[in-house]
Structure formats: structure tokens, C-alpha cells
Amino acid sequence: MTQLAADVTLDCTGQACPLPILKLSKAIAGMQPGQIIELIATDSGSKDDVPAFCQRTNNTLLASRDEGGRFIFYVKKGP
């Protein structure tokens, strides 16, 4: 698997819903279109929440993976 290069990393380890999505929303708002943010979460709800957030906000979920209970997402900021 090719490693994506993130411009920003947001570690939400140990934080429960809705904090990972709220923090992702705030972080991505301060980014430039085309930049990539890596979100690390341990809340299993993020597996559904992050794709739904991306679809709702016109951002692109480039990749996601589960590393032993850590859910890692790469989101590209849309236009």
C-alpha cells in the first residue's frame, strides 16, 4: 500500500463521538483546497462518520484503514 503524504495530522485517539468529526471539520476549514489531512481515531463510529462527513462537505476520502483499533483516514479538502 502506498503511503499518502498528509499536510496535517489530527490525532483524536481516545476521543468519543462527536469530537473526531468536530475537530476534523474545524481543522479542514483552515486548510487550502487540495491539501490532505490524516485523521487518527479510536472511536468505531468514525468508520461511518468520516465518509458521511466527506460526502456532506464535498471533501474526498482518499483512503482509510484499521490498525488494531486505530482508524486512520486521509481526507483531501475539496474546492
PDB file of N, CA and C in Angstrom:
ATOM      1  N   MET A   1       0.843  -1.190   0.000  1.00  0.00           N
ATOM      2  CA  MET A   1       0.000   0.000   0.000  1.00  0.00           C
ATOM      3  C   MET A   1       0.881   1.244   0.000  1.00  0.00           C
ATOM      4  N   THR A   2       0.559   2.169  -0.860  1.00  0.00           N
ATOM      5  CA  THR A   2       1.305   3.411  -0.938  1.00  0.00           C
ATOM      6  C   THR A   2       0.927   4.312   0.227  1.00  0.00           C
ATOM      7  N   GLN A   3       1.917   4.870   0.868  1.00  0.00           N
ATOM      8  CA  GLN A   3       1.672   5.784   1.988  1.00  0.00           C
ATOM      9  C   GLN A   3       1.337   7.162   1.436  1.00  0.00           C
ATOM     10  N   LEU A   4       0.227   7.713   1.851  1.00  0.00           N
ATOM     11  CA  LEU A   4      -0.153   9.059   1.434  1.00  0.00           C
ATOM     12  C   LEU A   4       0.584  10.082   2.284  1.00  0.00           C
ATOM     13  N   ALA A   5       0.954  11.176   1.675  1.00  0.00           N
ATOM     14  CA  ALA A   5       1.630  12.251   2.405  1.00  0.00           C
ATOM     15  C   ALA A   5       0.582  13.263   2.864  1.00  0.00           C
ATOM     16  N   ALA A   6       0.428  13.364   4.173  1.00  0.00           N
ATOM     17  CA  ALA A   6      -0.551  14.300   4.728  1.00  0.00           C
ATOM     18  C   ALA A   6       0.110  15.641   5.016  1.00  0.00           C
ATOM     19  N   ASP A   7      -0.636  16.709   4.757  1.00  0.00           N
ATOM     20  CA  ASP A   7      -0.178  18.057   5.094  1.00  0.00           C
ATOM     21  C   ASP A   7      -0.394  18.338   6.575  1.00  0.00           C
ATOM     22  N   VAL A   8      -1.421  17.710   7.148  1.00  0.00           N
ATOM     23  CA  VAL A   8      -1.798  17.912   8.551  1.00  0.00           C
ATOM     24  C   VAL A   8      -2.164  16.552   9.143  1.00  0.00           C
ATOM     25  N   THR A   9      -1.775  16.303  10.389  1.00  0.00           N
ATOM     26  CA  THR A   9      -2.206  15.100  11.104  1.00  0.00           C
ATOM     27  C   THR A   9      -3.020  15.527  12.309  1.00  0.00           C
ATOM     28  N   LEU A  10      -4.184  14.906  12.456  1.00  0.00           N
ATOM     29  CA  LEU A  10      -5.083  15.194  13.565  1.00  0.00           C
ATOM     30  C   LEU A  10      -5.272  13.904  14.358  1.00  0.00           C
ATOM     31  N   ASP A  11      -4.745  13.865  15.567  1.00  0.00           N
ATOM     32  CA  ASP A  11      -4.818  12.664  16.398  1.00  0.00           C
ATOM     33  C   ASP A  11      -5.963  12.810  17.401  1.00  0.00           C
ATOM     34  N   CYS A  12      -7.009  12.041  17.180  1.00  0.00           N
ATOM     35  CA  CYS A  12      -8.181  12.063  18.067  1.00  0.00           C
ATOM     36  C   CYS A  12      -8.282  10.764  18.860  1.00  0.00           C
ATOM     37  N   THR A  13      -7.157  10.136  19.125  1.00  0.00           N
ATOM     38  CA  THR A  13      -7.116   8.899  19.892  1.00  0.00           C
ATOM     39  C   THR A  13      -7.779   9.105  21.252  1.00  0.00           C
ATOM     40  N   GLY A  14      -8.690   8.195  21.595  1.00  0.00           N
ATOM     41  CA  GLY A  14      -9.356   8.244  22.896  1.00  0.00           C
ATOM     42  C   GLY A  14     -10.547   9.180  22.974  1.00  0.00           C
ATOM     43  N   GLN A  15     -10.843   9.873  21.911  1.00  0.00           N
ATOM     44  CA  GLN A  15     -11.970  10.811  21.922  1.00  0.00           C
ATOM     45  C   GLN A  15     -13.200  10.157  21.306  1.00  0.00           C
ATOM     46  N   ALA A  16     -14.339  10.350  21.965  1.00  0.00           N
ATOM     47  CA  ALA A  16     -15.585   9.744  21.518  1.00  0.00           C
ATOM     48  C   ALA A  16     -16.364  10.695  20.618  1.00  0.00           C
ATOM     49  N   CYS A  17     -17.276  10.118  19.878  1.00  0.00           N
ATOM     50  CA  CYS A  17     -18.179  10.870  19.016  1.00  0.00           C
ATOM     51  C   CYS A  17     -18.906  11.926  19.859  1.00  0.00           C
ATOM     52  N   PRO A  18     -19.018  13.133  19.395  1.00  0.00           N
ATOM     53  CA  PRO A  18     -18.764  13.635  18.047  1.00  0.00           C
ATOM     54  C   PRO A  18     -17.421  14.357  17.896  1.00  0.00           C
ATOM     55  N   LEU A  19     -16.547  14.264  18.891  1.00  0.00           N
ATOM     56  CA  LEU A  19     -15.314  15.066  18.867  1.00  0.00           C
ATOM     57  C   LEU A  19     -14.437  14.846  17.631  1.00  0.00           C
ATOM     58  N   PRO A  20     -14.190  13.615  17.174  1.00  0.00           N
ATOM     59  CA  PRO A  20     -13.334  13.482  15.989  1.00  0.00           C
ATOM     60  C   PRO A  20     -13.871  14.236  14.763  1.00  0.00           C
ATOM     61  N   ILE A  21     -15.168  14.178  14.543  1.00  0.00           N
ATOM     62  CA  ILE A  21     -15.750  14.878  13.386  1.00  0.00           C
ATOM     63  C   ILE A  21     -15.742  16.386  13.602  1.00  0.00           C
ATOM     64  N   LEU A  22     -16.038  16.832  14.807  1.00  0.00           N
ATOM     65  CA  LEU A  22     -15.999  18.275  15.076  1.00  0.00           C
ATOM     66  C   LEU A  22     -14.597  18.829  14.879  1.00  0.00           C
ATOM     67  N   LYS A  23     -13.596  18.103  15.372  1.00  0.00           N
ATOM     68  CA  LYS A  23     -12.211  18.555  15.221  1.00  0.00           C
ATOM     69  C   LYS A  23     -11.754  18.468  13.770  1.00  0.00           C
ATOM     70  N   LEU A  24     -12.205  17.433  13.047  1.00  0.00           N
ATOM     71  CA  LEU A  24     -11.889  17.325  11.620  1.00  0.00           C
ATOM     72  C   LEU A  24     -12.482  18.501  10.862  1.00  0.00           C
ATOM     73  N   SER A  25     -13.715  18.835  11.151  1.00  0.00           N
ATOM     74  CA  SER A  25     -14.387  19.948  10.480  1.00  0.00           C
ATOM     75  C   SER A  25     -13.645  21.267  10.719  1.00  0.00           C
ATOM     76  N   LYS A  26     -13.247  21.499  11.960  1.00  0.00           N
ATOM     77  CA  LYS A  26     -12.529  22.731  12.293  1.00  0.00           C
ATOM     78  C   LYS A  26     -11.154  22.766  11.621  1.00  0.00           C
ATOM     79  N   ALA A  27     -10.448  21.644  11.639  1.00  0.00           N
ATOM     80  CA  ALA A  27      -9.110  21.599  11.051  1.00  0.00           C
ATOM     81  C   ALA A  27      -9.155  21.790   9.542  1.00  0.00           C
ATOM     82  N   ILE A  28     -10.104  21.144   8.890  1.00  0.00           N
ATOM     83  CA  ILE A  28     -10.169  21.209   7.431  1.00  0.00           C
ATOM     84  C   ILE A  28     -10.600  22.602   6.968  1.00  0.00           C
ATOM     85  N   ALA A  29     -11.342  23.298   7.796  1.00  0.00           N
ATOM     86  CA  ALA A  29     -11.767  24.658   7.441  1.00  0.00           C
ATOM     87  C   ALA A  29     -10.574  25.596   7.303  1.00  0.00           C
ATOM     88  N   GLY A  30      -9.485  25.326   8.021  1.00  0.00           N
ATOM     89  CA  GLY A  30      -8.301  26.170   7.965  1.00  0.00           C
ATOM     90  C   GLY A  30      -7.280  25.740   6.925  1.00  0.00           C
ATOM     91  N   MET A  31      -7.630  24.740   6.122  1.00  0.00           N
ATOM     92  CA  MET A  31      -6.700  24.226   5.123  1.00  0.00           C
ATOM     93  C   MET A  31      -7.016  24.781   3.741  1.00  0.00           C
ATOM     94  N   GLN A  32      -6.053  24.657   2.837  1.00  0.00           N
ATOM     95  CA  GLN A  32      -6.232  25.083   1.456  1.00  0.00           C
ATOM     96  C   GLN A  32      -6.831  23.925   0.641  1.00  0.00           C
ATOM     97  N   PRO A  33      -7.641  24.218  -0.383  1.00  0.00           N
ATOM     98  CA  PRO A  33      -8.161  23.156  -1.247  1.00  0.00           C
ATOM     99  C   PRO A  33      -7.017  22.304  -1.802  1.00  0.00           C
ATOM    100  N   GLY A  34      -7.222  21.000  -1.798  1.00  0.00           N
ATOM    101  CA  GLY A  34      -6.220  20.076  -2.305  1.00  0.00           C
ATOM    102  C   GLY A  34      -5.287  19.525  -1.235  1.00  0.00           C
ATOM    103  N   GLN A  35      -5.238  20.168  -0.080  1.00  0.00           N
ATOM    104  CA  GLN A  35      -4.394  19.655   0.993  1.00  0.00           C
ATOM    105  C   GLN A  35      -5.035  18.405   1.594  1.00  0.00           C
ATOM    106  N   ILE A  36      -4.192  17.574   2.210  1.00  0.00           N
ATOM    107  CA  ILE A  36      -4.642  16.301   2.774  1.00  0.00           C
ATOM    108  C   ILE A  36      -4.443  16.309   4.286  1.00  0.00           C
ATOM    109  N   ILE A  37      -5.491  15.851   4.983  1.00  0.00           N
ATOM    110  CA  ILE A  37      -5.403  15.708   6.436  1.00  0.00           C
ATOM    111  C   ILE A  37      -5.497  14.225   6.777  1.00  0.00           C
ATOM    112  N   GLU A  38      -4.659  13.806   7.699  1.00  0.00           N
ATOM    113  CA  GLU A  38      -4.694  12.441   8.226  1.00  0.00           C
ATOM    114  C   GLU A  38      -5.391  12.505   9.577  1.00  0.00           C
ATOM    115  N   LEU A  39      -6.471  11.766   9.714  1.00  0.00           N
ATOM    116  CA  LEU A  39      -7.216  11.700  10.971  1.00  0.00           C
ATOM    117  C   LEU A  39      -6.984  10.333  11.591  1.00  0.00           C
ATOM    118  N   ILE A  40      -6.577  10.326  12.847  1.00  0.00           N
ATOM    119  CA  ILE A  40      -6.399   9.088  13.606  1.00  0.00           C
ATOM    120  C   ILE A  40      -7.461   9.081  14.705  1.00  0.00           C
ATOM    121  N   ALA A  41      -8.293   8.057  14.700  1.00  0.00           N
ATOM    122  CA  ALA A  41      -9.382   7.977  15.682  1.00  0.00           C
ATOM    123  C   ALA A  41      -9.453   6.563  16.251  1.00  0.00           C
ATOM    124  N   THR A  42      -9.998   6.444  17.455  1.00  0.00           N
ATOM    125  CA  THR A  42     -10.222   5.132  18.055  1.00  0.00           C
ATOM    126  C   THR A  42     -11.713   4.870  18.248  1.00  0.00           C
ATOM    127  N   ASP A  43     -12.547   5.847  17.977  1.00  0.00           N
ATOM    128  CA  ASP A  43     -13.994   5.693  18.079  1.00  0.00           C
ATOM    129  C   ASP A  43     -14.487   4.926  16.852  1.00  0.00           C
ATOM    130  N   SER A  44     -15.069   3.739  17.072  1.00  0.00           N
ATOM    131  CA  SER A  44     -15.500   2.909  15.947  1.00  0.00           C
ATOM    132  C   SER A  44     -16.570   3.594  15.091  1.00  0.00           C
ATOM    133  N   GLY A  45     -17.285   4.552  15.654  1.00  0.00           N
ATOM    134  CA  GLY A  45     -18.282   5.292  14.895  1.00  0.00           C
ATOM    135  C   GLY A  45     -17.674   6.117  13.776  1.00  0.00           C
ATOM    136  N   SER A  46     -16.390   6.413  13.894  1.00  0.00           N
ATOM    137  CA  SER A  46     -15.732   7.215  12.864  1.00  0.00           C
ATOM    138  C   SER A  46     -15.691   6.494  11.524  1.00  0.00           C
ATOM    139  N   LYS A  47     -15.796   5.148  11.534  1.00  0.00           N
ATOM    140  CA  LYS A  47     -15.798   4.385  10.283  1.00  0.00           C
ATOM    141  C   LYS A  47     -16.985   4.770   9.404  1.00  0.00           C
ATOM    142  N   ASP A  48     -18.092   5.143  10.008  1.00  0.00           N
ATOM    143  CA  ASP A  48     -19.262   5.614   9.266  1.00  0.00           C
ATOM    144  C   ASP A  48     -19.291   7.136   9.181  1.00  0.00           C
ATOM    145  N   ASP A  49     -18.848   7.791  10.252  1.00  0.00           N
ATOM    146  CA  ASP A  49     -18.950   9.251  10.340  1.00  0.00           C
ATOM    147  C   ASP A  49     -18.058   9.981   9.340  1.00  0.00           C
ATOM    148  N   VAL A  50     -16.829   9.515   9.159  1.00  0.00           N
ATOM    149  CA  VAL A  50     -15.898  10.224   8.280  1.00  0.00           C
ATOM    150  C   VAL A  50     -16.353  10.172   6.819  1.00  0.00           C
ATOM    151  N   PRO A  51     -16.724   8.998   6.274  1.00  0.00           N
ATOM    152  CA  PRO A  51     -17.229   9.007   4.898  1.00  0.00           C
ATOM    153  C   PRO A  51     -18.477   9.872   4.723  1.00  0.00           C
ATOM    154  N   ALA A  52     -19.380   9.847   5.711  1.00  0.00           N
ATOM    155  CA  ALA A  52     -20.585  10.676   5.635  1.00  0.00           C
ATOM    156  C   ALA A  52     -20.226  12.160   5.672  1.00  0.00           C
ATOM    157  N   PHE A  53     -19.262  12.527   6.522  1.00  0.00           N
ATOM    158  CA  PHE A  53     -18.796  13.916   6.591  1.00  0.00           C
ATOM    159  C   PHE A  53     -18.241  14.350   5.237  1.00  0.00           C
ATOM    160  N   CYS A  54     -17.416  13.504   4.636  1.00  0.00           N
ATOM    161  CA  CYS A  54     -16.799  13.853   3.354  1.00  0.00           C
ATOM    162  C   CYS A  54     -17.852  14.053   2.272  1.00  0.00           C
ATOM    163  N   GLN A  55     -18.819  13.164   2.228  1.00  0.00           N
ATOM    164  CA  GLN A  55     -19.873  13.280   1.220  1.00  0.00           C
ATOM    165  C   GLN A  55     -20.691  14.555   1.431  1.00  0.00           C
ATOM    166  N   ARG A  56     -20.999  14.866   2.661  1.00  0.00           N
ATOM    167  CA  ARG A  56     -21.821  16.034   3.002  1.00  0.00           C
ATOM    168  C   ARG A  56     -21.090  17.351   2.739  1.00  0.00           C
ATOM    169  N   THR A  57     -19.760  17.341   2.845  1.00  0.00           N
ATOM    170  CA  THR A  57     -18.992  18.588   2.765  1.00  0.00           C
ATOM    171  C   THR A  57     -18.166  18.721   1.486  1.00  0.00           C
ATOM    172  N   ASN A  58     -18.342  17.808   0.535  1.00  0.00           N
ATOM    173  CA  ASN A  58     -17.608  17.836  -0.736  1.00  0.00           C
ATOM    174  C   ASN A  58     -16.097  17.738  -0.563  1.00  0.00           C
ATOM    175  N   ASN A  59     -15.674  17.004   0.452  1.00  0.00           N
ATOM    176  CA  ASN A  59     -14.268  16.653   0.606  1.00  0.00           C
ATOM    177  C   ASN A  59     -14.130  15.200   0.146  1.00  0.00           C
ATOM    178  N   THR A  60     -12.907  14.759  -0.129  1.00  0.00           N
ATOM    179  CA  THR A  60     -12.701  13.428  -0.684  1.00  0.00           C
ATOM    180  C   THR A  60     -11.979  12.532   0.306  1.00  0.00           C
ATOM    181  N   LEU A  61     -12.586  11.390   0.598  1.00  0.00           N
ATOM    182  CA  LEU A  61     -11.920  10.378   1.413  1.00  0.00           C
ATOM    183  C   LEU A  61     -11.014   9.576   0.484  1.00  0.00           C
ATOM    184  N   LEU A  62      -9.706   9.793   0.607  1.00  0.00           N
ATOM    185  CA  LEU A  62      -8.742   9.146  -0.272  1.00  0.00           C
ATOM    186  C   LEU A  62      -8.458   7.708   0.134  1.00  0.00           C
ATOM    187  N   ALA A  63      -8.408   7.458   1.433  1.00  0.00           N
ATOM    188  CA  ALA A  63      -8.088   6.123   1.928  1.00  0.00           C
ATOM    189  C   ALA A  63      -8.469   6.032   3.396  1.00  0.00           C
ATOM    190  N   SER A  64      -8.668   4.802   3.837  1.00  0.00           N
ATOM    191  CA  SER A  64      -8.890   4.552   5.268  1.00  0.00           C
ATOM    192  C   SER A  64      -8.380   3.154   5.570  1.00  0.00           C
ATOM    193  N   ARG A  65      -7.964   2.967   6.821  1.00  0.00           N
ATOM    194  CA  ARG A  65      -7.506   1.649   7.238  1.00  0.00           C
ATOM    195  C   ARG A  65      -7.691   1.506   8.749  1.00  0.00           C
ATOM    196  N   ASP A  66      -7.726   0.260   9.164  1.00  0.00           N
ATOM    197  CA  ASP A  66      -7.861  -0.083  10.580  1.00  0.00           C
ATOM    198  C   ASP A  66      -6.540  -0.709  11.014  1.00  0.00           C
ATOM    199  N   GLU A  67      -5.898  -0.097  11.987  1.00  0.00           N
ATOM    200  CA  GLU A  67      -4.639  -0.628  12.521  1.00  0.00           C
ATOM    201  C   GLU A  67      -4.852  -1.030  13.973  1.00  0.00           C
ATOM    202  N   GLY A  68      -5.475  -2.164  14.165  1.00  0.00           N
ATOM    203  CA  GLY A  68      -5.663  -2.691  15.515  1.00  0.00           C
ATOM    204  C   GLY A  68      -6.454  -1.780  16.425  1.00  0.00           C
ATOM    205  N   GLY A  69      -7.595  -1.308  15.954  1.00  0.00           N
ATOM    206  CA  GLY A  69      -8.438  -0.441  16.776  1.00  0.00           C
ATOM    207  C   GLY A  69      -8.185   1.040  16.580  1.00  0.00           C
ATOM    208  N   ARG A  70      -7.183   1.367  15.791  1.00  0.00           N
ATOM    209  CA  ARG A  70      -6.954   2.770  15.394  1.00  0.00           C
ATOM    210  C   ARG A  70      -7.426   2.900  13.959  1.00  0.00           C
ATOM    211  N   PHE A  71      -8.322   3.842  13.732  1.00  0.00           N
ATOM    212  CA  PHE A  71      -8.885   4.051  12.407  1.00  0.00           C
ATOM    213  C   PHE A  71      -8.205   5.275  11.809  1.00  0.00           C
ATOM    214  N   ILE A  72      -7.591   5.088  10.663  1.00  0.00           N
ATOM    215  CA  ILE A  72      -6.804   6.150  10.041  1.00  0.00           C
ATOM    216  C   ILE A  72      -7.452   6.514   8.709  1.00  0.00           C
ATOM    217  N   PHE A  73      -7.708   7.800   8.543  1.00  0.00           N
ATOM    218  CA  PHE A  73      -8.379   8.317   7.355  1.00  0.00           C
ATOM    219  C   PHE A  73      -7.523   9.397   6.717  1.00  0.00           C
ATOM    220  N   TYR A  74      -7.535   9.437   5.381  1.00  0.00           N
ATOM    221  CA  TYR A  74      -6.878  10.501   4.631  1.00  0.00           C
ATOM    222  C   TYR A  74      -7.960  11.231   3.852  1.00  0.00           C
ATOM    223  N   VAL A  75      -8.138  12.508   4.164  1.00  0.00           N
ATOM    224  CA  VAL A  75      -9.196  13.317   3.557  1.00  0.00           C
ATOM    225  C   VAL A  75      -8.548  14.480   2.810  1.00  0.00           C
ATOM    226  N   LYS A  76      -8.959  14.627   1.561  1.00  0.00           N
ATOM    227  CA  LYS A  76      -8.475  15.740   0.731  1.00  0.00           C
ATOM    228  C   LYS A  76      -9.533  16.834   0.739  1.00  0.00           C
ATOM    229  N   LYS A  77      -9.094  18.035   1.076  1.00  0.00           N
ATOM    230  CA  LYS A  77     -10.030  19.164   1.118  1.00  0.00           C
ATOM    231  C   LYS A  77     -10.490  19.497  -0.301  1.00  0.00           C
ATOM    232  N   GLY A  78     -11.780  19.641  -0.441  1.00  0.00           N
ATOM    233  CA  GLY A  78     -12.373  19.970  -1.741  1.00  0.00           C
ATOM    234  C   GLY A  78     -12.291  21.454  -2.030  1.00  0.00           C
ATOM    235  N   PRO A  79     -12.837  21.809  -3.190  1.00  0.00           N
ATOM    236  CA  PRO A  79     -12.785  23.223  -3.624  1.00  0.00           C
ATOM    237  C   PRO A  79     -13.558  24.161  -2.726  1.00  0.00           C
TER     238      PRO A  79
END
